[in-house]
Amino acid sequence: MSVQSVTHLNFRGDARAALEFYQSVFGGHLSVVTYKDAGNPQGAAEADQVMWGQVVSDRGFHVMAYDVPSRLPWDRGENSFFLSVRGDSAEEITAYWEKLSEGASIAQPLGPAQWAPLYGMLTDRFGVVWVVDVASEYNG
């Protein structure tokens, strides 16, 4: 079993441009899934924004990003990033979730998602936003 900790950057409409920029700097493979691609449009104006994206290079650089929907608060100092932890198994991720959730505010209960066998989001007792999921291939 392995677990990866990946910085996940949050934007308001600029996630694709930021990911393309980071790819131009670090190289690697760019992957982007829009809200429309995932069948989760946040409204016509936001359908083509990034619901999930990442740049992964052979040299070890890995960053994820998305566009925060307009219904949620966001500015560069509020809701600007969260820590994403991705594991290989439900057991592994559930164990992390149970520990992280002590004293936490749960934004998305741990459970199946369209893009992952298991996914959850919480703000821990220190104010850090965590996203945990079981790794899977996106076949959109």
Protein backbone atom coordinates (compact mmCIF):
# COMPACT_ATOMS: atom_id res chain seq x y z
CA MET A 1 0.00 0.00 0.00
CA SER A 2 1.06 3.55 -0.60
CA VAL A 3 -0.33 6.99 0.02
CA GLN A 4 0.46 10.26 -1.72
CA SER A 5 0.03 13.78 -0.41
CA VAL A 6 -0.60 16.23 -3.24
CA THR A 7 -1.11 19.98 -3.06
CA HIS A 8 -4.53 20.87 -4.47
CA LEU A 9 -4.93 24.49 -5.57
CA ASN A 10 -8.33 26.16 -5.78
CA PHE A 11 -9.20 28.91 -8.26
CA ARG A 12 -12.20 30.87 -9.48
CA GLY A 13 -12.20 30.28 -13.23
CA ASP A 14 -8.40 30.18 -13.68
CA ALA A 15 -7.61 26.53 -12.90
CA ARG A 16 -7.04 25.49 -16.52
CA ALA A 17 -4.76 28.46 -17.21
CA ALA A 18 -2.83 27.79 -14.00
CA LEU A 19 -2.41 24.08 -14.79
CA GLU A 20 -1.28 24.88 -18.34
CA PHE A 21 1.23 27.34 -16.91
CA TYR A 22 2.57 24.80 -14.38
CA GLN A 23 2.88 22.26 -17.19
CA SER A 24 4.90 24.79 -19.22
CA VAL A 25 7.19 25.29 -16.23
CA PHE A 26 7.61 21.70 -14.98
CA GLY A 27 6.65 19.63 -18.03
CA GLY A 28 4.59 16.49 -17.58
CA HIS A 29 1.11 15.36 -18.46
CA LEU A 30 -1.93 17.63 -18.07
CA SER A 31 -5.32 16.08 -17.26
CA VAL A 32 -8.51 18.14 -17.00
CA VAL A 33 -12.12 17.15 -16.31
CA THR A 34 -14.72 19.90 -16.55
CA TYR A 35 -17.96 20.03 -14.59
CA LYS A 36 -19.74 19.28 -17.89
CA ASP A 37 -17.46 16.28 -18.59
CA ALA A 38 -18.38 14.80 -15.21
CA GLY A 39 -22.10 15.40 -15.64
CA ASN A 40 -22.05 17.94 -12.83
CA PRO A 41 -22.54 21.35 -14.47
CA GLN A 42 -22.59 24.18 -11.97
CA GLY A 43 -24.54 26.36 -14.42
CA ALA A 44 -23.93 27.32 -18.03
CA ALA A 45 -21.22 29.85 -17.16
CA GLU A 46 -19.26 27.28 -15.14
CA ALA A 47 -19.86 24.07 -17.15
CA ASP A 48 -16.46 24.29 -18.87
CA GLN A 49 -14.55 25.15 -15.72
CA VAL A 50 -12.25 22.58 -14.11
CA MET A 51 -13.85 20.16 -11.67
CA TRP A 52 -10.66 18.12 -11.43
CA GLY A 53 -7.28 18.70 -12.99
CA GLN A 54 -3.65 17.85 -12.46
CA VAL A 55 -0.14 18.05 -13.85
CA VAL A 56 2.17 15.10 -13.20
CA SER A 57 5.76 15.03 -14.42
CA ASP A 58 8.24 12.18 -14.64
CA ARG A 59 10.53 14.23 -12.40
CA GLY A 60 8.14 14.06 -9.42
CA PHE A 61 6.17 17.30 -9.77
CA HIS A 62 2.47 16.79 -9.05
CA VAL A 63 -0.15 19.46 -8.47
CA MET A 64 -3.93 19.28 -8.62
CA ALA A 65 -6.42 22.12 -9.12
CA TYR A 66 -10.06 22.97 -9.62
CA ASP A 67 -12.41 25.95 -10.01
CA VAL A 68 -14.43 26.63 -6.86
CA PRO A 69 -18.10 26.97 -7.89
CA SER A 70 -19.52 30.48 -7.51
CA ARG A 71 -21.99 29.24 -4.87
CA LEU A 72 -19.02 28.67 -2.49
CA PRO A 73 -16.85 31.35 -0.88
CA TRP A 74 -13.41 31.84 -2.37
CA ASP A 75 -10.65 34.38 -2.53
CA ARG A 76 -6.90 33.98 -2.59
CA GLY A 77 -6.87 33.98 1.21
CA GLU A 78 -10.00 31.90 1.82
CA ASN A 79 -10.62 28.43 0.42
CA SER A 80 -7.57 28.78 -1.83
CA PHE A 81 -6.19 25.26 -1.34
CA PHE A 82 -6.68 21.94 0.36
CA LEU A 83 -4.58 18.87 0.92
CA SER A 84 -5.49 15.85 -1.16
CA VAL A 85 -4.59 12.38 0.11
CA ARG A 86 -5.08 9.55 -2.36
CA GLY A 87 -4.64 5.91 -1.39
CA ASP A 88 -4.81 2.52 -3.05
CA SER A 89 -7.55 0.94 -0.92
CA ALA A 90 -10.81 1.77 0.83
CA GLU A 91 -9.42 0.40 4.09
CA GLU A 92 -6.41 2.70 3.96
CA ILE A 93 -8.44 5.82 3.14
CA THR A 94 -11.13 4.98 5.72
CA ALA A 95 -8.48 4.72 8.43
CA TYR A 96 -7.08 8.16 7.54
CA TRP A 97 -10.60 9.61 7.35
CA GLU A 98 -11.56 8.31 10.78
CA LYS A 99 -8.52 9.94 12.38
CA LEU A 100 -8.78 13.22 10.46
CA SER A 101 -12.50 13.55 11.19
CA GLU A 102 -12.04 13.77 14.98
CA GLY A 103 -13.24 17.28 15.82
CA ALA A 104 -13.63 18.11 12.13
CA SER A 105 -16.36 19.80 10.11
CA ILE A 106 -17.50 17.38 7.39
CA ALA A 107 -18.17 19.01 4.01
CA GLN A 108 -18.68 15.77 2.06
CA PRO A 109 -19.15 12.52 3.97
CA LEU A 110 -16.85 9.67 2.97
CA GLY A 111 -18.59 7.58 0.31
CA PRO A 112 -18.65 6.59 -3.35
CA ALA A 113 -18.32 9.35 -5.95
CA GLN A 114 -18.67 9.51 -9.73
CA TRP A 115 -14.90 9.70 -10.12
CA ALA A 116 -13.67 7.52 -7.24
CA PRO A 117 -14.75 4.42 -5.32
CA LEU A 118 -14.46 6.45 -2.11
CA TYR A 119 -14.24 10.23 -1.58
CA GLY A 120 -14.70 12.67 1.28
CA MET A 121 -13.92 16.26 2.26
CA LEU A 122 -13.54 17.80 5.70
CA THR A 123 -12.01 20.73 7.53
CA ASP A 124 -9.93 19.43 10.42
CA ARG A 125 -9.84 20.96 13.88
CA PHE A 126 -6.89 23.12 12.79
CA GLY A 127 -8.77 24.67 9.84
CA VAL A 128 -7.01 22.62 7.12
CA VAL A 129 -9.28 21.32 4.35
CA TRP A 130 -8.58 17.70 3.41
CA VAL A 131 -9.86 15.69 0.46
CA VAL A 132 -9.32 11.93 0.68
CA ASP A 133 -10.08 9.39 -2.02
CA VAL A 134 -9.23 6.00 -3.41
CA ALA A 135 -7.23 6.30 -6.64
CA SER A 136 -8.94 5.23 -9.84
CA GLU A 137 -8.56 5.88 -13.55
CA TYR A 138 -10.85 8.50 -15.05
CA ASN A 139 -12.57 7.11 -18.14
CA GLY A 140 -14.49 10.15 -19.36
